[in-house]
Amino acid sequence: MANYLHQNDLPDGLSFGASVAVDSETMGLRHLRDRLCLVQLSAGDGDCHLVQFPGPIAERPYKAPNLAALMSDPKVTKIFHFARFDVAAIKYYLGVDCTPVYCTKIASRLVRTFTDRHSLKDLCRELTGTDLSKQQQSSDWGAAKLTPEQLDYAASDVLYLHAIKAKLDAMLLREGRMELAEACFRFLPARATLDIGGWAEDDIFAH
């Protein structure tokens, strides 16, 4: 297991195969205010590639052609936990729609209806037997130099998503909800656009 830190973009020629686990770190939870600082990626092989945007960055979209191409590659499934947030951050700061997308939080809510515990920490513990540390969750991701502890924390958010997806896929098939999950995943880029556009708190399907 190793972490590879890159500045402003992925290196040329790096491949993650047919699916890549993705997460992001921002300065806060408001996309228009809190800039994207870090994007973490893993092929599910125990290694993590982290793209840092140290800022201050005056222009959007960020100039990260390799990362942007990967995020919009129709042949590569992007696996997130709570994809709604990350897909919106990537759309706003990289200028691309993430497609196709898989969200482990949505999948969990569709099939693990016996519990209200759907956090990544809960899924890692219950589906992979791994206890994640969330100690660095609220640290300064805009710092010019990230600490080893920050990098390890960021990496841990993507290292187990492939294994979690495999377990949730089996449950989705068992419960006959795979097609519903896929429909939800396809809607996520539109949900991200609504969030960025000002409809984050509004249910547009309500009466």
Protein backbone atom coordinates (compact mmCIF):
# COMPACT_ATOMS: atom_id res chain seq x y z
CA MET A 1 0.00 0.00 0.00
CA ALA A 2 1.35 3.40 -1.01
CA ASN A 3 0.17 6.98 -1.44
CA TYR A 4 1.26 8.95 -4.50
CA LEU A 5 0.81 12.71 -4.28
CA HIS A 6 0.50 14.71 -7.51
CA GLN A 7 0.22 18.45 -7.97
CA ASN A 8 -2.68 19.91 -10.01
CA ASP A 9 -3.28 16.86 -12.22
CA LEU A 10 -2.71 13.14 -12.68
CA PRO A 11 0.44 12.14 -14.59
CA ASP A 12 0.16 11.08 -18.21
CA GLY A 13 -0.53 7.41 -18.90
CA LEU A 14 -1.92 6.44 -15.49
CA SER A 15 -4.74 3.88 -15.76
CA PHE A 16 -7.19 2.73 -13.10
CA GLY A 17 -8.90 0.03 -15.17
CA ALA A 18 -12.67 -0.28 -15.56
CA SER A 19 -13.53 1.35 -12.21
CA VAL A 20 -11.92 3.89 -9.92
CA ALA A 21 -12.80 4.80 -6.34
CA VAL A 22 -12.95 8.58 -5.89
CA ASP A 23 -13.29 11.03 -3.02
CA SER A 24 -12.55 14.72 -2.56
CA GLU A 25 -11.57 17.13 0.18
CA THR A 26 -12.71 20.75 0.16
CA MET A 27 -12.35 23.78 2.41
CA GLY A 28 -15.93 23.28 3.60
CA LEU A 29 -19.35 22.08 2.56
CA ARG A 30 -20.46 24.93 0.28
CA HIS A 31 -19.27 24.40 -3.27
CA LEU A 32 -19.46 28.01 -4.42
CA ARG A 33 -17.50 29.21 -1.39
CA ASP A 34 -15.25 26.32 -0.37
CA ARG A 35 -12.74 25.34 -3.02
CA LEU A 36 -11.76 21.83 -4.05
CA CYS A 37 -8.37 21.03 -2.52
CA LEU A 38 -7.74 17.33 -3.08
CA VAL A 39 -9.05 14.42 -5.16
CA GLN A 40 -8.20 10.87 -4.10
CA LEU A 41 -8.33 7.88 -6.45
CA SER A 42 -7.74 4.15 -6.11
CA ALA A 43 -8.05 1.17 -8.43
CA GLY A 44 -8.87 -1.02 -5.44
CA ASP A 45 -5.33 -2.38 -5.31
CA GLY A 46 -4.31 -0.81 -2.01
CA ASP A 47 -2.59 2.19 -3.61
CA CYS A 48 -3.94 5.72 -3.67
CA HIS A 49 -3.19 8.58 -6.04
CA LEU A 50 -3.95 12.01 -4.62
CA VAL A 51 -4.18 15.16 -6.74
CA GLN A 52 -3.61 18.30 -4.71
CA PHE A 53 -4.77 21.75 -5.78
CA PRO A 54 -2.78 23.89 -3.34
CA GLY A 55 -4.29 27.23 -4.38
CA PRO A 56 -5.09 29.97 -4.29
CA ILE A 57 -6.64 29.18 -7.65
CA ALA A 58 -8.28 32.14 -9.36
CA GLU A 59 -9.73 30.40 -12.41
CA ARG A 60 -12.35 27.75 -12.91
CA PRO A 61 -12.32 25.15 -14.22
CA TYR A 62 -8.97 24.01 -12.86
CA LYS A 63 -6.50 23.04 -15.55
CA ALA A 64 -6.33 19.29 -14.88
CA PRO A 65 -6.93 17.66 -18.27
CA ASN A 66 -5.94 14.11 -17.27
CA LEU A 67 -8.12 14.08 -14.15
CA ALA A 68 -11.02 15.72 -15.98
CA ALA A 69 -10.78 13.15 -18.79
CA LEU A 70 -10.87 10.28 -16.29
CA MET A 71 -13.87 11.71 -14.46
CA SER A 72 -15.86 12.01 -17.69
CA ASP A 73 -14.64 8.76 -19.32
CA PRO A 74 -17.79 6.74 -20.16
CA LYS A 75 -15.79 3.49 -19.96
CA VAL A 76 -14.68 3.97 -16.34
CA THR A 77 -17.13 3.70 -13.45
CA LYS A 78 -16.45 6.21 -10.68
CA ILE A 79 -17.23 4.77 -7.23
CA PHE A 80 -18.04 7.30 -4.49
CA HIS A 81 -19.48 7.34 -1.02
CA PHE A 82 -22.10 10.12 -0.93
CA ALA A 83 -21.44 10.88 -4.59
CA ARG A 84 -23.80 13.85 -4.57
CA PHE A 85 -21.25 16.07 -2.83
CA ASP A 86 -18.15 14.97 -4.75
CA VAL A 87 -19.83 14.96 -8.17
CA ALA A 88 -20.94 18.55 -7.57
CA ALA A 89 -17.46 19.61 -6.43
CA ILE A 90 -15.86 18.02 -9.47
CA LYS A 91 -18.41 19.57 -11.82
CA TYR A 92 -17.96 23.05 -10.34
CA TYR A 93 -14.16 23.04 -10.12
CA LEU A 94 -13.12 20.73 -12.98
CA GLY A 95 -15.94 21.60 -15.36
CA VAL A 96 -16.99 18.01 -16.17
CA ASP A 97 -19.86 15.66 -15.36
CA CYS A 98 -18.80 12.44 -13.63
CA THR A 99 -20.28 9.56 -15.57
CA PRO A 100 -20.92 6.74 -15.03
CA VAL A 101 -21.20 6.92 -11.24
CA TYR A 102 -21.80 4.43 -8.42
CA CYS A 103 -22.66 5.64 -4.90
CA THR A 104 -22.16 3.25 -1.99
CA LYS A 105 -24.33 5.42 0.30
CA ILE A 106 -27.31 5.23 -2.06
CA ALA A 107 -26.79 1.50 -2.55
CA SER A 108 -26.62 0.99 1.20
CA ARG A 109 -29.83 2.92 1.80
CA LEU A 110 -31.63 0.85 -0.83
CA VAL A 111 -30.69 -2.55 0.61
CA ARG A 112 -29.57 -2.12 4.22
CA THR A 113 -33.03 -1.03 5.31
CA PHE A 114 -32.55 -2.84 8.62
CA THR A 115 -30.33 0.01 9.87
CA ASP A 116 -29.92 3.78 9.72
CA ARG A 117 -26.12 3.48 9.74
CA HIS A 118 -24.91 4.28 6.22
CA SER A 119 -21.71 6.26 6.82
CA LEU A 120 -18.48 5.12 5.18
CA LYS A 121 -17.11 4.27 8.63
CA ASP A 122 -20.13 2.05 9.29
CA LEU A 123 -19.93 0.33 5.91
CA CYS A 124 -16.20 -0.31 6.26
CA ARG A 125 -16.65 -1.82 9.69
CA GLU A 126 -19.68 -3.94 8.85
CA LEU A 127 -18.79 -5.03 5.30
CA THR A 128 -14.98 -5.22 5.35
CA GLY A 129 -14.13 -5.50 9.04
CA THR A 130 -12.05 -2.30 8.90
CA ASP A 131 -12.21 0.52 11.43
CA LEU A 132 -11.58 3.89 9.79
CA SER A 133 -10.16 6.81 11.74
CA LYS A 134 -11.95 10.13 11.14
CA GLN A 135 -9.50 12.19 13.20
CA GLN A 136 -8.33 14.31 10.24
CA GLN A 137 -11.78 14.90 8.75
CA SER A 138 -11.97 18.59 9.69
CA SER A 139 -8.32 19.52 9.14
CA ASP A 140 -7.07 22.29 6.82
CA TRP A 141 -7.13 20.74 3.35
CA GLY A 142 -6.05 24.02 1.77
CA ALA A 143 -2.61 23.89 3.38
CA ALA A 144 0.30 24.08 0.93
CA LYS A 145 1.87 20.99 2.50
CA LEU A 146 -0.39 18.19 3.69
CA THR A 147 0.75 16.04 6.59
CA PRO A 148 1.28 12.27 6.31
CA GLU A 149 -1.70 11.86 8.63
CA GLN A 150 -3.91 13.90 6.28
CA LEU A 151 -2.78 11.86 3.28
CA ASP A 152 -3.42 8.56 5.06
CA TYR A 153 -6.87 9.74 6.13
CA ALA A 154 -7.73 10.91 2.60
CA ALA A 155 -6.50 7.63 1.11
CA SER A 156 -8.57 5.55 3.53
CA ASP A 157 -11.75 7.06 2.10
CA VAL A 158 -11.17 5.31 -1.26
CA LEU A 159 -9.18 2.17 -0.47
CA TYR A 160 -12.22 0.08 0.53
CA LEU A 161 -14.88 1.30 -1.89
CA HIS A 162 -14.35 -1.49 -4.43
CA ALA A 163 -14.84 -4.15 -1.75
CA ILE A 164 -17.88 -2.35 -0.34
CA LYS A 165 -19.38 -2.06 -3.83
CA ALA A 166 -19.00 -5.81 -4.39
CA LYS A 167 -20.88 -6.58 -1.16
CA LEU A 168 -23.63 -4.06 -1.90
CA ASP A 169 -24.01 -5.29 -5.49
CA ALA A 170 -24.72 -8.78 -4.21
CA MET A 171 -27.39 -7.38 -1.89
CA LEU A 172 -28.93 -5.21 -4.61
CA LEU A 173 -29.25 -8.26 -6.88
CA ARG A 174 -30.64 -10.37 -4.05
CA GLU A 175 -33.31 -7.78 -3.22
CA GLY A 176 -34.16 -7.00 -6.86
CA ARG A 177 -33.14 -3.34 -6.59
CA MET A 178 -30.19 -3.09 -8.98
CA GLU A 179 -32.18 -1.32 -11.70
CA LEU A 180 -33.51 1.21 -9.17
CA ALA A 181 -29.98 1.84 -7.89
CA GLU A 182 -28.68 2.37 -11.42
CA ALA A 183 -31.47 4.85 -12.12
CA CYS A 184 -30.48 6.79 -8.99
CA PHE A 185 -26.83 6.77 -10.04
CA ARG A 186 -27.69 8.12 -13.50
CA PHE A 187 -29.53 11.03 -11.88
CA LEU A 188 -26.56 12.12 -9.77
CA PRO A 189 -24.99 14.52 -12.33
CA ALA A 190 -28.35 16.30 -12.61
CA ARG A 191 -28.66 16.35 -8.80
CA ALA A 192 -25.21 17.97 -8.64
CA THR A 193 -26.25 20.60 -11.17
CA LEU A 194 -29.33 21.40 -9.08
CA ASP A 195 -27.19 21.72 -5.95
CA ILE A 196 -24.78 24.12 -7.63
CA GLY A 197 -27.63 26.07 -9.18
CA GLY A 198 -29.33 26.83 -5.87
CA TRP A 199 -31.82 23.98 -5.42
CA ALA A 200 -29.81 22.06 -2.79
CA GLU A 201 -32.53 22.32 -0.15
CA ASP A 202 -35.60 22.23 -2.41
CA ASP A 203 -37.48 19.07 -3.40
CA ILE A 204 -38.37 19.89 -6.99
CA PHE A 205 -40.61 16.80 -7.08
CA ALA A 206 -42.79 18.08 -4.26
CA HIS A 207 -46.29 19.42 -4.93
